[in-house]
PDB file of N, CA and C in Angstrom:
ATOM      1  N   MET A   1      -3.203   1.774  12.623  1.00  0.00           N
ATOM      2  CA  MET A   1      -2.982   2.668  11.509  1.00  0.00           C
ATOM      3  C   MET A   1      -4.260   2.714  10.682  1.00  0.00           C
ATOM      4  N   ASN A   2      -4.686   3.913  10.350  1.00  0.00           N
ATOM      5  CA  ASN A   2      -5.872   4.104   9.533  1.00  0.00           C
ATOM      6  C   ASN A   2      -5.512   3.907   8.062  1.00  0.00           C
ATOM      7  N   ILE A   3      -6.159   2.956   7.392  1.00  0.00           N
ATOM      8  CA  ILE A   3      -5.881   2.656   5.985  1.00  0.00           C
ATOM      9  C   ILE A   3      -7.048   3.139   5.144  1.00  0.00           C
ATOM     10  N   THR A   4      -6.751   4.025   4.179  1.00  0.00           N
ATOM     11  CA  THR A   4      -7.748   4.540   3.246  1.00  0.00           C
ATOM     12  C   THR A   4      -7.492   3.934   1.876  1.00  0.00           C
ATOM     13  N   ILE A   5      -8.538   3.401   1.257  1.00  0.00           N
ATOM     14  CA  ILE A   5      -8.407   2.783  -0.065  1.00  0.00           C
ATOM     15  C   ILE A   5      -9.146   3.647  -1.084  1.00  0.00           C
ATOM     16  N   ASN A   6      -8.432   4.062  -2.121  1.00  0.00           N
ATOM     17  CA  ASN A   6      -9.017   4.835  -3.213  1.00  0.00           C
ATOM     18  C   ASN A   6      -8.888   4.035  -4.504  1.00  0.00           C
ATOM     19  N   ALA A   7      -9.989   3.855  -5.199  1.00  0.00           N
ATOM     20  CA  ALA A   7      -9.982   3.171  -6.487  1.00  0.00           C
ATOM     21  C   ALA A   7     -10.339   4.193  -7.563  1.00  0.00           C
ATOM     22  N   VAL A   8      -9.506   4.272  -8.578  1.00  0.00           N
ATOM     23  CA  VAL A   8      -9.697   5.249  -9.647  1.00  0.00           C
ATOM     24  C   VAL A   8     -10.564   4.621 -10.743  1.00  0.00           C
ATOM     25  N   ARG A   9     -11.752   5.164 -10.922  1.00  0.00           N
ATOM     26  CA  ARG A   9     -12.712   4.786 -11.956  1.00  0.00           C
ATOM     27  C   ARG A   9     -13.239   3.358 -11.878  1.00  0.00           C
ATOM     28  N   PHE A  10     -13.256   2.779 -10.701  1.00  0.00           N
ATOM     29  CA  PHE A  10     -13.911   1.484 -10.497  1.00  0.00           C
ATOM     30  C   PHE A  10     -14.173   1.304  -9.007  1.00  0.00           C
ATOM     31  N   ARG A  11     -14.951   0.307  -8.668  1.00  0.00           N
ATOM     32  CA  ARG A  11     -15.254   0.014  -7.268  1.00  0.00           C
ATOM     33  C   ARG A  11     -14.536  -1.259  -6.864  1.00  0.00           C
ATOM     34  N   THR A  12     -13.987  -1.223  -5.664  1.00  0.00           N
ATOM     35  CA  THR A  12     -13.329  -2.426  -5.156  1.00  0.00           C
ATOM     36  C   THR A  12     -14.377  -3.337  -4.518  1.00  0.00           C
ATOM     37  N   ASP A  13     -14.107  -4.613  -4.574  1.00  0.00           N
ATOM     38  CA  ASP A  13     -15.013  -5.536  -3.899  1.00  0.00           C
ATOM     39  C   ASP A  13     -14.498  -5.786  -2.480  1.00  0.00           C
ATOM     40  N   GLU A  14     -15.327  -6.387  -1.682  1.00  0.00           N
ATOM     41  CA  GLU A  14     -15.013  -6.610  -0.268  1.00  0.00           C
ATOM     42  C   GLU A  14     -13.791  -7.506  -0.097  1.00  0.00           C
ATOM     43  N   LYS A  15     -13.650  -8.497  -0.968  1.00  0.00           N
ATOM     44  CA  LYS A  15     -12.528  -9.425  -0.893  1.00  0.00           C
ATOM     45  C   LYS A  15     -11.195  -8.689  -1.091  1.00  0.00           C
ATOM     46  N   LEU A  16     -11.125  -7.780  -2.067  1.00  0.00           N
ATOM     47  CA  LEU A  16      -9.906  -7.015  -2.325  1.00  0.00           C
ATOM     48  C   LEU A  16      -9.601  -6.076  -1.162  1.00  0.00           C
ATOM     49  N   GLU A  17     -10.609  -5.423  -0.628  1.00  0.00           N
ATOM     50  CA  GLU A  17     -10.402  -4.523   0.500  1.00  0.00           C
ATOM     51  C   GLU A  17      -9.892  -5.280   1.728  1.00  0.00           C
ATOM     52  N   LYS A  18     -10.436  -6.451   1.970  1.00  0.00           N
ATOM     53  CA  LYS A  18      -9.986  -7.268   3.102  1.00  0.00           C
ATOM     54  C   LYS A  18      -8.524  -7.671   2.906  1.00  0.00           C
ATOM     55  N   PHE A  19      -8.175  -8.065   1.681  1.00  0.00           N
ATOM     56  CA  PHE A  19      -6.800  -8.436   1.372  1.00  0.00           C
ATOM     57  C   PHE A  19      -5.847  -7.274   1.643  1.00  0.00           C
ATOM     58  N   ILE A  20      -6.221  -6.075   1.194  1.00  0.00           N
ATOM     59  CA  ILE A  20      -5.386  -4.895   1.387  1.00  0.00           C
ATOM     60  C   ILE A  20      -5.215  -4.591   2.875  1.00  0.00           C
ATOM     61  N   HIS A  21      -6.300  -4.631   3.628  1.00  0.00           N
ATOM     62  CA  HIS A  21      -6.223  -4.353   5.068  1.00  0.00           C
ATOM     63  C   HIS A  21      -5.332  -5.371   5.785  1.00  0.00           C
ATOM     64  N   GLU A  22      -5.396  -6.639   5.372  1.00  0.00           N
ATOM     65  CA  GLU A  22      -4.563  -7.663   6.004  1.00  0.00           C
ATOM     66  C   GLU A  22      -3.089  -7.441   5.683  1.00  0.00           C
ATOM     67  N   LYS A  23      -2.771  -7.222   4.390  1.00  0.00           N
ATOM     68  CA  LYS A  23      -1.370  -7.070   3.970  1.00  0.00           C
ATOM     69  C   LYS A  23      -0.751  -5.787   4.515  1.00  0.00           C
ATOM     70  N   VAL A  24      -1.426  -4.674   4.320  1.00  0.00           N
ATOM     71  CA  VAL A  24      -0.885  -3.386   4.726  1.00  0.00           C
ATOM     72  C   VAL A  24      -0.919  -3.261   6.247  1.00  0.00           C
ATOM     73  N   GLY A  25      -1.905  -3.846   6.878  1.00  0.00           N
ATOM     74  CA  GLY A  25      -2.014  -3.798   8.334  1.00  0.00           C
ATOM     75  C   GLY A  25      -0.827  -4.437   9.036  1.00  0.00           C
ATOM     76  N   LYS A  26      -0.183  -5.399   8.396  1.00  0.00           N
ATOM     77  CA  LYS A  26       0.994  -6.039   8.980  1.00  0.00           C
ATOM     78  C   LYS A  26       2.159  -5.062   9.109  1.00  0.00           C
ATOM     79  N   LEU A  27       2.186  -4.044   8.267  1.00  0.00           N
ATOM     80  CA  LEU A  27       3.254  -3.045   8.335  1.00  0.00           C
ATOM     81  C   LEU A  27       3.158  -2.215   9.607  1.00  0.00           C
ATOM     82  N   ASP A  28       1.962  -2.134  10.175  1.00  0.00           N
ATOM     83  CA  ASP A  28       1.746  -1.348  11.388  1.00  0.00           C
ATOM     84  C   ASP A  28       2.604  -1.874  12.543  1.00  0.00           C
ATOM     85  N   ARG A  29       2.887  -3.169  12.543  1.00  0.00           N
ATOM     86  CA  ARG A  29       3.725  -3.758  13.593  1.00  0.00           C
ATOM     87  C   ARG A  29       5.184  -3.326  13.464  1.00  0.00           C
ATOM     88  N   LEU A  30       5.582  -2.959  12.237  1.00  0.00           N
ATOM     89  CA  LEU A  30       6.977  -2.590  11.996  1.00  0.00           C
ATOM     90  C   LEU A  30       7.274  -1.133  12.305  1.00  0.00           C
ATOM     91  N   ILE A  31       6.247  -0.291  12.241  1.00  0.00           N
ATOM     92  CA  ILE A  31       6.458   1.138  12.439  1.00  0.00           C
ATOM     93  C   ILE A  31       5.418   1.658  13.423  1.00  0.00           C
ATOM     94  N   ASP A  32       5.890   2.216  14.523  1.00  0.00           N
ATOM     95  CA  ASP A  32       5.002   2.615  15.609  1.00  0.00           C
ATOM     96  C   ASP A  32       4.346   3.968  15.397  1.00  0.00           C
ATOM     97  N   ASN A  33       5.030   4.872  14.715  1.00  0.00           N
ATOM     98  CA  ASN A  33       4.549   6.250  14.645  1.00  0.00           C
ATOM     99  C   ASN A  33       3.853   6.601  13.338  1.00  0.00           C
ATOM    100  N   ALA A  34       3.315   5.640  12.637  1.00  0.00           N
ATOM    101  CA  ALA A  34       2.601   5.916  11.394  1.00  0.00           C
ATOM    102  C   ALA A  34       1.292   6.623  11.693  1.00  0.00           C
ATOM    103  N   VAL A  35       1.057   7.726  10.980  1.00  0.00           N
ATOM    104  CA  VAL A  35      -0.164   8.502  11.180  1.00  0.00           C
ATOM    105  C   VAL A  35      -1.315   7.889  10.400  1.00  0.00           C
ATOM    106  N   GLY A  36      -1.041   7.466   9.172  1.00  0.00           N
ATOM    107  CA  GLY A  36      -2.074   6.882   8.337  1.00  0.00           C
ATOM    108  C   GLY A  36      -1.469   6.286   7.085  1.00  0.00           C
ATOM    109  N   CYS A  37      -2.309   5.651   6.300  1.00  0.00           N
ATOM    110  CA  CYS A  37      -1.856   4.993   5.086  1.00  0.00           C
ATOM    111  C   CYS A  37      -2.921   5.178   4.008  1.00  0.00           C
ATOM    112  N   GLU A  38      -2.470   5.491   2.803  1.00  0.00           N
ATOM    113  CA  GLU A  38      -3.383   5.660   1.676  1.00  0.00           C
ATOM    114  C   GLU A  38      -2.979   4.709   0.564  1.00  0.00           C
ATOM    115  N   VAL A  39      -3.929   3.890   0.126  1.00  0.00           N
ATOM    116  CA  VAL A  39      -3.706   2.942  -0.961  1.00  0.00           C
ATOM    117  C   VAL A  39      -4.544   3.408  -2.146  1.00  0.00           C
ATOM    118  N   THR A  40      -3.895   3.612  -3.287  1.00  0.00           N
ATOM    119  CA  THR A  40      -4.593   4.022  -4.504  1.00  0.00           C
ATOM    120  C   THR A  40      -4.430   2.931  -5.546  1.00  0.00           C
ATOM    121  N   LEU A  41      -5.547   2.502  -6.116  1.00  0.00           N
ATOM    122  CA  LEU A  41      -5.556   1.451  -7.125  1.00  0.00           C
ATOM    123  C   LEU A  41      -6.007   2.025  -8.455  1.00  0.00           C
ATOM    124  N   LYS A  42      -5.258   1.696  -9.524  1.00  0.00           N
ATOM    125  CA  LYS A  42      -5.600   2.150 -10.866  1.00  0.00           C
ATOM    126  C   LYS A  42      -5.520   0.979 -11.818  1.00  0.00           C
ATOM    127  N   SER A  43      -6.492   0.885 -12.701  1.00  0.00           N
ATOM    128  CA  SER A  43      -6.473  -0.143 -13.735  1.00  0.00           C
ATOM    129  C   SER A  43      -6.149   0.534 -15.056  1.00  0.00           C
ATOM    130  N   GLU A  44      -4.923   0.331 -15.536  1.00  0.00           N
ATOM    131  CA  GLU A  44      -4.512   0.981 -16.769  1.00  0.00           C
ATOM    132  C   GLU A  44      -4.885   0.162 -18.006  1.00  0.00           C
ATOM    133  N   SER A  45      -5.053  -1.136 -17.835  1.00  0.00           N
ATOM    134  CA  SER A  45      -5.547  -2.015 -18.892  1.00  0.00           C
ATOM    135  C   SER A  45      -5.934  -3.332 -18.232  1.00  0.00           C
ATOM    136  N   ASP A  46      -6.397  -4.294 -19.032  1.00  0.00           N
ATOM    137  CA  ASP A  46      -6.785  -5.583 -18.459  1.00  0.00           C
ATOM    138  C   ASP A  46      -5.607  -6.311 -17.822  1.00  0.00           C
ATOM    139  N   LEU A  47      -4.410  -6.067 -18.339  1.00  0.00           N
ATOM    140  CA  LEU A  47      -3.234  -6.772 -17.837  1.00  0.00           C
ATOM    141  C   LEU A  47      -2.297  -5.899 -17.018  1.00  0.00           C
ATOM    142  N   LYS A  48      -2.664  -4.637 -16.804  1.00  0.00           N
ATOM    143  CA  LYS A  48      -1.783  -3.712 -16.096  1.00  0.00           C
ATOM    144  C   LYS A  48      -2.541  -3.037 -14.967  1.00  0.00           C
ATOM    145  N   LYS A  49      -2.319  -3.510 -13.754  1.00  0.00           N
ATOM    146  CA  LYS A  49      -2.939  -2.960 -12.549  1.00  0.00           C
ATOM    147  C   LYS A  49      -1.855  -2.280 -11.723  1.00  0.00           C
ATOM    148  N   VAL A  50      -2.146  -1.090 -11.222  1.00  0.00           N
ATOM    149  CA  VAL A  50      -1.160  -0.299 -10.481  1.00  0.00           C
ATOM    150  C   VAL A  50      -1.659  -0.055  -9.063  1.00  0.00           C
ATOM    151  N   ALA A  51      -0.759  -0.243  -8.100  1.00  0.00           N
ATOM    152  CA  ALA A  51      -1.058   0.053  -6.701  1.00  0.00           C
ATOM    153  C   ALA A  51      -0.020   1.055  -6.203  1.00  0.00           C
ATOM    154  N   ASP A  52      -0.494   2.131  -5.575  1.00  0.00           N
ATOM    155  CA  ASP A  52       0.360   3.123  -4.925  1.00  0.00           C
ATOM    156  C   ASP A  52       0.039   3.078  -3.438  1.00  0.00           C
ATOM    157  N   ILE A  53       1.063   3.032  -2.606  1.00  0.00           N
ATOM    158  CA  ILE A  53       0.854   3.052  -1.160  1.00  0.00           C
ATOM    159  C   ILE A  53       1.719   4.147  -0.560  1.00  0.00           C
ATOM    160  N   ARG A  54       1.090   5.020   0.219  1.00  0.00           N
ATOM    161  CA  ARG A  54       1.789   6.101   0.921  1.00  0.00           C
ATOM    162  C   ARG A  54       1.490   5.962   2.409  1.00  0.00           C
ATOM    163  N   ILE A  55       2.567   5.855   3.203  1.00  0.00           N
ATOM    164  CA  ILE A  55       2.443   5.799   4.654  1.00  0.00           C
ATOM    165  C   ILE A  55       2.927   7.133   5.208  1.00  0.00           C
ATOM    166  N   ASN A  56       2.066   7.788   5.951  1.00  0.00           N
ATOM    167  CA  ASN A  56       2.408   9.078   6.549  1.00  0.00           C
ATOM    168  C   ASN A  56       3.094   8.837   7.885  1.00  0.00           C
ATOM    169  N   VAL A  57       4.338   9.303   7.983  1.00  0.00           N
ATOM    170  CA  VAL A  57       5.099   9.230   9.226  1.00  0.00           C
ATOM    171  C   VAL A  57       5.627  10.629   9.527  1.00  0.00           C
ATOM    172  N   PRO A  58       5.877  10.946  10.784  1.00  0.00           N
ATOM    173  CA  PRO A  58       6.377  12.276  11.116  1.00  0.00           C
ATOM    174  C   PRO A  58       7.685  12.586  10.373  1.00  0.00           C
ATOM    175  N   GLY A  59       7.714  13.742   9.732  1.00  0.00           N
ATOM    176  CA  GLY A  59       8.908  14.175   9.034  1.00  0.00           C
ATOM    177  C   GLY A  59       8.936  13.856   7.557  1.00  0.00           C
ATOM    178  N   SER A  60       8.250  12.805   7.140  1.00  0.00           N
ATOM    179  CA  SER A  60       8.251  12.440   5.723  1.00  0.00           C
ATOM    180  C   SER A  60       7.160  11.410   5.454  1.00  0.00           C
ATOM    181  N   ASP A  61       7.052  11.034   4.195  1.00  0.00           N
ATOM    182  CA  ASP A  61       6.139   9.969   3.804  1.00  0.00           C
ATOM    183  C   ASP A  61       6.944   8.849   3.160  1.00  0.00           C
ATOM    184  N   LEU A  62       6.497   7.633   3.360  1.00  0.00           N
ATOM    185  CA  LEU A  62       7.069   6.491   2.664  1.00  0.00           C
ATOM    186  C   LEU A  62       6.123   6.173   1.517  1.00  0.00           C
ATOM    187  N   PHE A  63       6.643   6.091   0.294  1.00  0.00           N
ATOM    188  CA  PHE A  63       5.789   5.911  -0.871  1.00  0.00           C
ATOM    189  C   PHE A  63       6.393   4.864  -1.791  1.00  0.00           C
ATOM    190  N   VAL A  64       5.507   4.040  -2.355  1.00  0.00           N
ATOM    191  CA  VAL A  64       5.926   3.064  -3.359  1.00  0.00           C
ATOM    192  C   VAL A  64       4.783   2.843  -4.337  1.00  0.00           C
ATOM    193  N   SER A  65       5.152   2.596  -5.584  1.00  0.00           N
ATOM    194  CA  SER A  65       4.178   2.324  -6.635  1.00  0.00           C
ATOM    195  C   SER A  65       4.656   1.105  -7.414  1.00  0.00           C
ATOM    196  N   LYS A  66       3.767   0.142  -7.607  1.00  0.00           N
ATOM    197  CA  LYS A  66       4.115  -1.075  -8.343  1.00  0.00           C
ATOM    198  C   LYS A  66       2.991  -1.431  -9.299  1.00  0.00           C
ATOM    199  N   GLN A  67       3.358  -2.094 -10.384  1.00  0.00           N
ATOM    200  CA  GLN A  67       2.340  -2.577 -11.312  1.00  0.00           C
ATOM    201  C   GLN A  67       2.511  -4.081 -11.500  1.00  0.00           C
ATOM    202  N   ALA A  68       1.384  -4.740 -11.747  1.00  0.00           N
ATOM    203  CA  ALA A  68       1.376  -6.190 -11.922  1.00  0.00           C
ATOM    204  C   ALA A  68       0.153  -6.577 -12.738  1.00  0.00           C
ATOM    205  N   GLY A  69      -0.044  -7.861 -12.906  1.00  0.00           N
ATOM    206  CA  GLY A  69      -1.179  -8.366 -13.667  1.00  0.00           C
ATOM    207  C   GLY A  69      -2.489  -8.303 -12.905  1.00  0.00           C
ATOM    208  N   ASN A  70      -2.407  -8.236 -11.560  1.00  0.00           N
ATOM    209  CA  ASN A  70      -3.612  -8.101 -10.742  1.00  0.00           C
ATOM    210  C   ASN A  70      -3.292  -7.237  -9.528  1.00  0.00           C
ATOM    211  N   PHE A  71      -4.325  -6.734  -8.885  1.00  0.00           N
ATOM    212  CA  PHE A  71      -4.138  -5.827  -7.756  1.00  0.00           C
ATOM    213  C   PHE A  71      -3.493  -6.516  -6.561  1.00  0.00           C
ATOM    214  N   GLU A  72      -3.821  -7.763  -6.327  1.00  0.00           N
ATOM    215  CA  GLU A  72      -3.259  -8.475  -5.193  1.00  0.00           C
ATOM    216  C   GLU A  72      -1.738  -8.549  -5.296  1.00  0.00           C
ATOM    217  N   GLN A  73      -1.235  -8.871  -6.482  1.00  0.00           N
ATOM    218  CA  GLN A  73       0.208  -8.962  -6.673  1.00  0.00           C
ATOM    219  C   GLN A  73       0.866  -7.593  -6.561  1.00  0.00           C
ATOM    220  N   ALA A  74       0.230  -6.564  -7.111  1.00  0.00           N
ATOM    221  CA  ALA A  74       0.781  -5.210  -7.024  1.00  0.00           C
ATOM    222  C   ALA A  74       0.865  -4.750  -5.570  1.00  0.00           C
ATOM    223  N   VAL A  75      -0.176  -5.020  -4.783  1.00  0.00           N
ATOM    224  CA  VAL A  75      -0.172  -4.639  -3.366  1.00  0.00           C
ATOM    225  C   VAL A  75       0.903  -5.429  -2.615  1.00  0.00           C
ATOM    226  N   SER A  76       1.027  -6.715  -2.886  1.00  0.00           N
ATOM    227  CA  SER A  76       2.051  -7.532  -2.224  1.00  0.00           C
ATOM    228  C   SER A  76       3.453  -7.019  -2.532  1.00  0.00           C
ATOM    229  N   ASP A  77       3.695  -6.649  -3.788  1.00  0.00           N
ATOM    230  CA  ASP A  77       5.000  -6.104  -4.171  1.00  0.00           C
ATOM    231  C   ASP A  77       5.271  -4.787  -3.446  1.00  0.00           C
ATOM    232  N   CYS A  78       4.244  -3.953  -3.323  1.00  0.00           N
ATOM    233  CA  CYS A  78       4.382  -2.687  -2.600  1.00  0.00           C
ATOM    234  C   CYS A  78       4.744  -2.926  -1.135  1.00  0.00           C
ATOM    235  N   VAL A  79       4.072  -3.861  -0.508  1.00  0.00           N
ATOM    236  CA  VAL A  79       4.312  -4.158   0.907  1.00  0.00           C
ATOM    237  C   VAL A  79       5.742  -4.656   1.108  1.00  0.00           C
ATOM    238  N   ASP A  80       6.221  -5.509   0.205  1.00  0.00           N
ATOM    239  CA  ASP A  80       7.593  -6.004   0.312  1.00  0.00           C
ATOM    240  C   ASP A  80       8.600  -4.858   0.224  1.00  0.00           C
ATOM    241  N   THR A  81       8.376  -3.933  -0.694  1.00  0.00           N
ATOM    242  CA  THR A  81       9.268  -2.787  -0.844  1.00  0.00           C
ATOM    243  C   THR A  81       9.171  -1.857   0.358  1.00  0.00           C
ATOM    244  N   LEU A  82       7.968  -1.679   0.885  1.00  0.00           N
ATOM    245  CA  LEU A  82       7.794  -0.814   2.051  1.00  0.00           C
ATOM    246  C   LEU A  82       8.493  -1.374   3.288  1.00  0.00           C
ATOM    247  N   ARG A  83       8.581  -2.685   3.408  1.00  0.00           N
ATOM    248  CA  ARG A  83       9.299  -3.281   4.539  1.00  0.00           C
ATOM    249  C   ARG A  83      10.753  -2.787   4.552  1.00  0.00           C
ATOM    250  N   VAL A  84      11.380  -2.744   3.371  1.00  0.00           N
ATOM    251  CA  VAL A  84      12.756  -2.272   3.261  1.00  0.00           C
ATOM    252  C   VAL A  84      12.829  -0.788   3.593  1.00  0.00           C
ATOM    253  N   GLN A  85      11.879  -0.003   3.067  1.00  0.00           N
ATOM    254  CA  GLN A  85      11.869   1.433   3.344  1.00  0.00           C
ATOM    255  C   GLN A  85      11.675   1.722   4.835  1.00  0.00           C
ATOM    256  N   ILE A  86      10.836   0.954   5.488  1.00  0.00           N
ATOM    257  CA  ILE A  86      10.594   1.149   6.921  1.00  0.00           C
ATOM    258  C   ILE A  86      11.868   0.871   7.714  1.00  0.00           C
ATOM    259  N   GLU A  87      12.602  -0.172   7.356  1.00  0.00           N
ATOM    260  CA  GLU A  87      13.854  -0.475   8.037  1.00  0.00           C
ATOM    261  C   GLU A  87      14.848   0.673   7.859  1.00  0.00           C
ATOM    262  N   ARG A  88      14.934   1.215   6.655  1.00  0.00           N
ATOM    263  CA  ARG A  88      15.829   2.360   6.412  1.00  0.00           C
ATOM    264  C   ARG A  88      15.382   3.576   7.227  1.00  0.00           C
ATOM    265  N   TYR A  89      14.076   3.807   7.290  1.00  0.00           N
ATOM    266  CA  TYR A  89      13.537   4.939   8.043  1.00  0.00           C
ATOM    267  C   TYR A  89      13.867   4.808   9.534  1.00  0.00           C
ATOM    268  N   LYS A  90      13.710   3.602  10.064  1.00  0.00           N
ATOM    269  CA  LYS A  90      13.952   3.388  11.486  1.00  0.00           C
ATOM    270  C   LYS A  90      15.444   3.523  11.820  1.00  0.00           C
ATOM    271  N   ASN A  91      16.311   3.176  10.892  1.00  0.00           N
ATOM    272  CA  ASN A  91      17.753   3.237  11.136  1.00  0.00           C
ATOM    273  C   ASN A  91      18.358   4.590  10.816  1.00  0.00           C
ATOM    274  N   ALA A  92      17.564   5.505  10.265  1.00  0.00           N
ATOM    275  CA  ALA A  92      18.102   6.825   9.903  1.00  0.00           C
ATOM    276  C   ALA A  92      18.156   7.758  11.092  1.00  0.00           C
TER     277      ALA A  92
END
């Protein structure tokens, strides 16, 4: 699955990008027909970091947005929610 990372008004460091690729890449094992994935990171304040993840699948998109104190936690929360969405998608 091709993962695209977009950071709004800041640059991501290599460590954060590697973390995102590892976490989101694990979802690829759960869903075979994913076309691509887009991760958008926004820093709304020092204590409010937002991660949006959209997985493109035939027929629809799976989308989740979470906020946390840091990007790593926001991405992890998104991945956990996407696991549930993927199971629902596969069973539909």
